[in-house]
Protein backbone atom coordinates (compact mmCIF):
# COMPACT_ATOMS: atom_id res chain seq x y z
CA ALA A 1 -12.34 99.56 -16.13
CA SER A 2 -9.83 98.73 -18.79
CA ASP A 3 -7.57 97.04 -16.18
CA ALA A 4 -10.50 95.01 -14.88
CA SER A 5 -11.44 93.95 -18.37
CA ARG A 6 -7.89 92.82 -19.05
CA ALA A 7 -7.67 90.95 -15.71
CA GLY A 8 -10.86 88.98 -16.31
CA PRO A 9 -9.51 86.58 -18.96
CA ILE A 10 -6.31 86.08 -16.93
CA VAL A 11 -8.32 85.07 -13.85
CA VAL A 12 -10.41 82.70 -15.94
CA LEU A 13 -7.24 81.20 -17.42
CA LEU A 14 -5.66 80.75 -13.99
CA VAL A 15 -8.78 79.11 -12.64
CA ALA A 16 -8.89 76.84 -15.67
CA LEU A 17 -5.23 75.92 -15.19
CA ILE A 18 -5.75 75.20 -11.50
CA LEU A 19 -8.81 73.07 -12.23
CA GLY A 20 -6.98 71.25 -15.01
CA LEU A 21 -3.95 70.63 -12.84
CA THR A 22 -6.18 69.42 -10.00
CA PHE A 23 -8.00 67.07 -12.38
CA PHE A 24 -4.72 65.78 -13.79
CA LEU A 25 -3.24 65.14 -10.36
CA GLY A 26 -6.46 63.49 -9.27
CA LEU A 27 -6.41 61.27 -12.35
CA VAL A 28 -2.78 60.30 -11.75
CA TYR A 29 -3.56 59.51 -8.11
CA PHE A 30 -6.57 57.45 -9.15
CA LEU A 31 -4.55 55.48 -11.69
CA ILE A 32 -1.75 54.82 -9.18
CA ARG A 33 -4.23 53.68 -6.54
CA ARG A 34 -6.02 51.52 -9.08
CA ASP A 35 -2.77 49.82 -10.10
CA GLN A 36 -1.88 49.32 -6.46
CA ALA A 37 -5.31 47.85 -5.75
CA GLN A 38 -5.02 45.53 -8.76
CA ALA A 39 -1.56 44.43 -7.63
CA VAL A 40 -2.88 43.70 -4.14
CA SER A 41 -5.86 41.89 -5.65
CA ARG A 42 -3.59 39.76 -7.84
CA GLU A 43 -1.40 38.95 -4.86
CA LEU A 44 -4.43 38.00 -2.79
CA ILE A 45 -5.72 35.79 -5.60
CA LYS A 46 -2.29 34.17 -5.92
CA GLN A 47 -2.11 33.57 -2.18
CA GLU A 48 -5.63 32.14 -2.18
CA GLU A 49 -4.73 29.79 -5.04
CA THR A 50 -1.58 28.71 -3.16
CA THR A 51 -3.61 28.14 0.00
CA MET A 52 -6.23 26.10 -1.85
CA HIS A 53 -3.50 24.08 -3.56
CA LEU A 54 -1.93 23.28 -0.20
CA LEU A 55 -5.30 22.38 1.32
CA HIS A 56 -6.08 20.03 -1.57
CA ASN A 57 -2.69 18.38 -1.04
CA ILE A 58 -3.47 17.83 2.64
CA PHE A 59 -7.20 17.04 2.55
CA PRO A 60 -9.47 15.27 0.07
CA ALA A 61 -11.20 17.76 -2.23
CA SER A 62 -14.61 16.98 -0.73
CA TYR A 63 -13.32 17.86 2.75
CA VAL A 64 -11.74 21.24 1.92
CA PRO A 65 -14.97 23.34 2.08
CA ARG A 66 -15.80 21.85 5.47
CA VAL A 67 -12.30 22.52 6.77
CA LEU A 68 -12.51 26.14 5.60
CA LYS A 69 -15.80 26.53 7.44
CA GLY A 70 -14.10 25.38 10.62
CA ASP A 71 -16.03 22.12 10.90
CA THR A 72 -14.46 20.24 13.83
CA SER A 73 -16.65 17.14 13.69
CA ILE A 74 -15.66 15.59 10.36
CA ALA A 75 -15.94 11.82 10.73
CA GLU A 76 -17.28 9.31 8.20
CA ARG A 77 -17.22 5.55 7.73
CA TYR A 78 -16.24 3.99 4.42
CA ASP A 79 -16.64 0.34 3.46
CA ASN A 80 -14.58 -1.74 1.03
CA VAL A 81 -11.55 0.52 1.24
CA THR A 82 -8.19 -0.90 0.23
CA ILE A 83 -5.27 0.47 2.22
CA ILE A 84 -1.75 0.30 0.80
CA PHE A 85 1.39 0.67 2.88
CA SER A 86 4.87 0.80 1.40
CA ASP A 87 8.22 0.94 3.16
CA ILE A 88 11.73 1.51 1.81
CA VAL A 89 13.87 -1.50 2.68
CA GLY A 90 17.04 -0.63 4.60
CA PHE A 91 16.32 3.09 4.57
CA THR A 92 17.02 3.59 8.28
CA GLU A 93 20.51 2.12 7.93
CA PHE A 94 21.09 4.11 4.73
CA ALA A 95 20.06 7.38 6.38
CA SER A 96 22.48 6.83 9.26
CA HIS A 97 25.44 6.97 6.85
CA CYS A 98 24.31 9.93 4.74
CA PRO A 99 24.15 13.71 5.07
CA PRO A 100 20.63 15.08 5.66
CA LYS A 101 20.50 16.69 2.22
CA LEU A 102 21.02 13.35 0.49
CA VAL A 103 18.33 11.70 2.61
CA VAL A 104 15.86 14.41 1.64
CA GLN A 105 16.82 14.16 -2.04
CA VAL A 106 16.22 10.41 -2.01
CA LEU A 107 12.81 10.76 -0.38
CA ASN A 108 11.86 13.58 -2.73
CA ILE A 109 12.65 11.48 -5.81
CA MET A 110 10.73 8.45 -4.55
CA TYR A 111 7.74 10.32 -3.21
CA SER A 112 7.42 12.54 -6.28
CA ILE A 113 7.18 9.45 -8.48
CA PHE A 114 4.76 7.76 -6.08
CA ASP A 115 2.65 10.94 -5.98
CA ASP A 116 2.35 10.85 -9.77
CA ILE A 117 1.34 7.19 -9.64
CA THR A 118 -1.42 7.83 -7.09
CA GLU A 119 -2.74 10.68 -9.20
CA GLN A 120 -2.72 8.59 -12.37
CA ASN A 121 -4.65 5.77 -10.67
CA ASP A 122 -7.10 8.14 -8.94
CA VAL A 123 -6.30 6.95 -5.42
CA PHE A 124 -5.56 9.12 -2.39
CA LYS A 125 -2.20 9.60 -0.69
CA VAL A 126 -3.09 9.69 3.00
CA GLU A 127 0.28 10.49 4.50
CA THR A 128 3.97 9.73 4.69
CA ILE A 129 5.57 8.73 7.96
CA GLY A 130 9.35 8.70 7.66
CA ASP A 131 10.01 6.39 4.74
CA GLY A 132 6.51 4.88 4.94
CA TYR A 133 3.90 5.80 2.32
CA MET A 134 0.17 5.25 2.93
CA ILE A 135 -2.53 5.20 0.23
CA SER A 136 -6.27 4.59 0.27
CA SER A 137 -8.40 3.39 -2.62
CA GLY A 138 -12.13 3.82 -2.06
CA CYS A 139 -11.84 6.66 0.45
CA PRO A 140 -12.88 9.36 -0.03
CA LEU A 141 -13.57 8.61 -3.72
CA MET A 142 -15.80 5.54 -3.88
CA THR A 143 -16.09 3.60 -7.13
CA ASP A 144 -16.72 0.03 -8.23
CA ARG A 145 -13.03 -0.24 -9.22
CA ASN A 146 -11.44 0.41 -5.82
CA ILE A 147 -9.64 -2.91 -5.66
CA SER A 148 -8.35 -2.70 -9.25
CA ARG A 149 -7.06 0.81 -8.72
CA ALA A 150 -5.24 -0.32 -5.60
CA ALA A 151 -3.66 -3.23 -7.46
CA GLU A 152 -2.58 -1.02 -10.35
CA THR A 153 -1.08 1.48 -7.93
CA ALA A 154 0.94 -1.16 -6.09
CA LEU A 155 2.19 -2.73 -9.32
CA ASP A 156 3.13 0.68 -10.75
CA MET A 157 5.06 1.56 -7.58
CA LEU A 158 7.01 -1.68 -7.76
CA SER A 159 7.70 -1.21 -11.48
CA ALA A 160 8.94 2.34 -10.86
CA MET A 161 11.80 1.14 -8.66
CA SER A 162 14.16 0.55 -11.59
CA THR A 163 13.72 4.17 -12.66
CA ILE A 164 14.10 5.35 -9.08
CA ARG A 165 17.38 3.44 -8.68
CA GLU A 166 18.79 5.12 -11.80
CA LEU A 167 17.79 8.56 -10.52
CA LEU A 168 19.28 7.91 -7.09
CA LEU A 169 22.61 6.79 -8.54
CA GLY A 170 22.68 10.01 -10.55
CA LEU A 171 22.62 12.22 -7.46
CA GLU A 172 25.82 14.18 -6.99
CA LEU A 173 26.02 13.41 -3.27
CA MET A 174 25.98 9.68 -4.07
CA GLU A 175 29.28 9.79 -5.99
CA HIS A 176 31.64 9.72 -3.03
CA ASN A 177 29.55 7.63 -0.63
CA GLU A 178 30.15 3.96 -1.37
CA LYS A 179 27.66 2.67 1.21
CA ALA A 180 24.97 4.94 -0.15
CA LYS A 181 25.71 3.88 -3.74
CA GLU A 182 25.60 0.21 -2.78
CA TRP A 183 22.19 0.69 -1.17
CA ALA A 184 20.83 2.81 -4.03
CA ALA A 185 21.87 0.25 -6.65
CA THR A 186 19.64 -2.42 -5.10
CA CYS A 187 17.09 -0.42 -3.07
CA GLN A 188 13.64 -1.93 -2.94
CA ILE A 189 10.28 -1.46 -1.27
CA ARG A 190 7.84 -3.70 0.53
CA ILE A 191 4.12 -3.23 -0.11
CA GLY A 192 1.18 -4.48 1.93
CA MET A 193 -2.55 -4.34 1.13
CA HIS A 194 -5.75 -5.05 3.03
CA THR A 195 -9.40 -4.24 2.38
CA GLY A 196 -12.16 -3.40 4.83
CA SER A 197 -13.96 -0.58 6.63
CA VAL A 198 -12.25 2.57 7.84
CA VAL A 199 -13.23 5.73 9.69
CA ALA A 200 -12.05 8.94 8.02
CA SER A 201 -11.73 12.13 10.01
CA VAL A 202 -9.99 15.47 10.26
CA ALA A 203 -8.44 15.54 13.71
CA GLY A 204 -6.39 18.05 15.65
CA LYS A 205 -6.65 21.71 16.54
CA ARG A 206 -3.13 22.65 15.51
CA ASN A 207 -1.93 21.29 12.17
CA PRO A 208 -5.14 19.32 11.53
CA ARG A 209 -4.71 16.35 9.21
CA PHE A 210 -6.82 13.83 7.36
CA HIS A 211 -6.61 10.50 9.16
CA LEU A 212 -7.90 6.97 8.64
CA PHE A 213 -8.59 4.72 11.62
CA GLY A 214 -9.62 1.13 12.19
CA ASP A 215 -8.53 -2.46 12.06
CA THR A 216 -8.22 -2.29 8.26
CA VAL A 217 -5.41 0.24 8.58
CA ASN A 218 -3.62 -1.85 11.22
CA THR A 219 -3.92 -5.04 9.18
CA ALA A 220 -2.64 -3.35 6.02
CA SER A 221 0.36 -2.14 8.01
CA ARG A 222 0.99 -5.71 9.15
CA MET A 223 0.83 -6.93 5.56
CA GLU A 224 3.68 -4.57 4.75
CA SER A 225 5.79 -5.13 7.86
CA HIS A 226 5.59 -8.94 7.54
CA GLY A 227 6.28 -8.80 3.81
CA ASN A 228 9.41 -9.23 1.74
CA PRO A 229 11.42 -6.80 -0.41
CA GLY A 230 10.10 -6.38 -3.92
CA ARG A 231 6.79 -8.06 -3.04
CA ILE A 232 3.19 -6.95 -2.80
CA GLN A 233 1.65 -8.91 0.04
CA MET A 234 -2.07 -8.92 0.73
CA SER A 235 -4.66 -10.51 2.96
CA GLU A 236 -7.11 -13.19 1.90
CA THR A 237 -9.90 -10.60 1.94
CA THR A 238 -8.11 -8.45 -0.62
CA ARG A 239 -7.11 -11.49 -2.61
CA ASN A 240 -10.73 -12.67 -2.92
CA LEU A 241 -11.88 -9.27 -4.15
CA LEU A 242 -9.01 -9.05 -6.60
CA VAL A 243 -9.80 -12.50 -7.99
CA ASP A 244 -13.31 -11.25 -8.75
CA ALA A 245 -11.80 -8.25 -10.54
CA THR A 246 -9.78 -10.66 -12.78
CA GLY A 247 -6.75 -9.70 -14.80
CA TYR A 248 -4.12 -10.35 -12.12
CA MET A 249 -1.70 -13.11 -11.18
CA ILE A 250 -1.87 -14.01 -7.48
CA HIS A 251 0.21 -16.60 -5.63
CA LEU A 252 -0.35 -18.09 -2.22
CA ARG A 253 2.52 -17.31 0.14
CA GLY A 254 1.31 -19.46 2.98
CA THR A 255 -0.19 -19.26 6.46
CA CYS A 256 1.68 -16.90 8.77
CA GLN A 257 1.40 -15.74 12.35
CA ILE A 258 0.66 -12.01 12.22
CA LYS A 259 1.16 -9.86 15.29
CA GLY A 260 -2.20 -8.93 16.77
CA LYS A 261 -4.12 -10.98 14.18
CA GLY A 262 -3.12 -14.61 14.65
CA LEU A 263 -2.77 -17.03 11.75
CA MET A 264 -3.59 -15.53 8.35
CA ASN A 265 -3.44 -16.81 4.80
CA LEU A 266 -1.20 -14.41 2.89
CA TYR A 267 -0.87 -13.87 -0.85
CA TYR A 268 1.47 -12.16 -3.28
CA LEU A 269 0.19 -9.99 -6.09
CA ILE A 270 2.62 -10.97 -8.84
CA GLY A 271 1.48 -8.91 -11.78
CA ARG A 272 -1.07 -8.46 -14.50
CA ALA A 273 -2.34 -11.62 -16.16
CA PRO A 274 -1.25 -12.14 -19.78
CA GLN A 275 -3.85 -11.05 -22.28
CA PRO A 276 -5.38 -13.84 -24.41
CA PRO A 277 -4.34 -13.81 -28.06
CA SER A 278 -6.53 -11.79 -30.39
CA PRO A 279 -8.81 -13.69 -32.78
CA GLY A 280 -6.77 -14.95 -35.67
CA GLY A 281 -3.51 -14.42 -33.80
CA LYS A 282 -0.85 -17.08 -33.72
CA GLY A 283 0.03 -19.07 -30.66
CA ARG A 284 -1.50 -18.67 -27.22
CA ALA A 285 -0.98 -16.49 -24.20
CA PRO A 286 1.84 -17.59 -21.89
CA GLU A 287 0.75 -19.34 -18.74
CA PRO A 288 1.36 -17.63 -15.42
CA PRO A 289 4.16 -19.11 -13.29
CA SER A 290 3.27 -22.02 -11.05
CA PRO A 291 2.40 -20.97 -7.47
CA GLY A 292 4.74 -23.63 -6.16
CA ARG A 293 7.78 -22.50 -8.13
CA GLN A 294 10.51 -20.74 -6.18
CA GLY A 295 12.28 -17.63 -7.45
CA GLY A 296 11.30 -15.26 -10.23
CA THR A 297 7.69 -14.42 -9.59
CA GLY A 298 6.71 -17.53 -7.67
CA GLY A 299 7.45 -18.84 -4.22
CA LEU A 300 5.14 -20.37 -1.64
CA LEU A 301 6.50 -20.72 1.84
CA THR A 302 8.79 -17.73 2.23
CA PRO A 303 9.69 -17.39 5.94
CA CYS A 304 7.14 -15.09 7.54
CA SER A 305 8.52 -12.63 10.06
CA GLN A 306 8.23 -8.95 10.80
CA SER A 307 10.88 -6.89 9.05
CA GLU A 308 13.48 -5.12 11.13
CA ASP A 309 12.69 -1.80 9.42
CA SER A 310 9.08 -1.96 10.63
CA ALA A 311 9.60 -3.56 14.01
């Protein structure tokens, strides 16, 4: 009896120790599993954010939910859309004399700056094809300032070229490539603009992309390919809308034969119109250059032909 009485507390203590150890191990296991689950959850959230970021870079924000749902019949018509095409003058020849890494570095510098410009002006970068850059203003975001936003975007892109040239000349791979340096020191872009209706859609089963179709897109491409370096060329349709928007200097280039379109009156967007002097200010605003003046910002009858880069 005495042995049994002495063994009782020991048994209770052992049971308590076993239960405590079991609880402790269970708690440790729970905490480890919880941390693992939180780590997996954070990784999933990070991957989802990365996926959504990529989708928003590929598709307009309003199209992303439909793409995620697997909608295969996305097609909409937009009116009064201004399409902008830009092309890097002489890039094909430049690329043929350069290592691939330098070509990619050049494109990355230019497109990064152009991406920032499109974002600042609230227009949409549709796609890049080689050294061509395509933008839409008024699709998918429709506002009453589509034409002004397009004009500001084109002017900002042209103004950015001086900065781009400096950055290109600073590339390490440029130092020992004289042909590349010569091109980078004077590199320029052509820009073309046209306004009209487009059809927007998400097409393709593999690698689906946001596309714009229609005569407006083709005509805008022609405005670029028949343009001149350092110029923003536009159709009469775009010119008329931009005149209504006011605040811009526009010069008549002349009547040109455009492939697939026939004779068209073409115009140059020169820049922003000088602001009138404030009340009480001295002097008057400078007058815009004469449309008939050659050189500088003027020039009427520049020879009209399709550029070799875009042929």
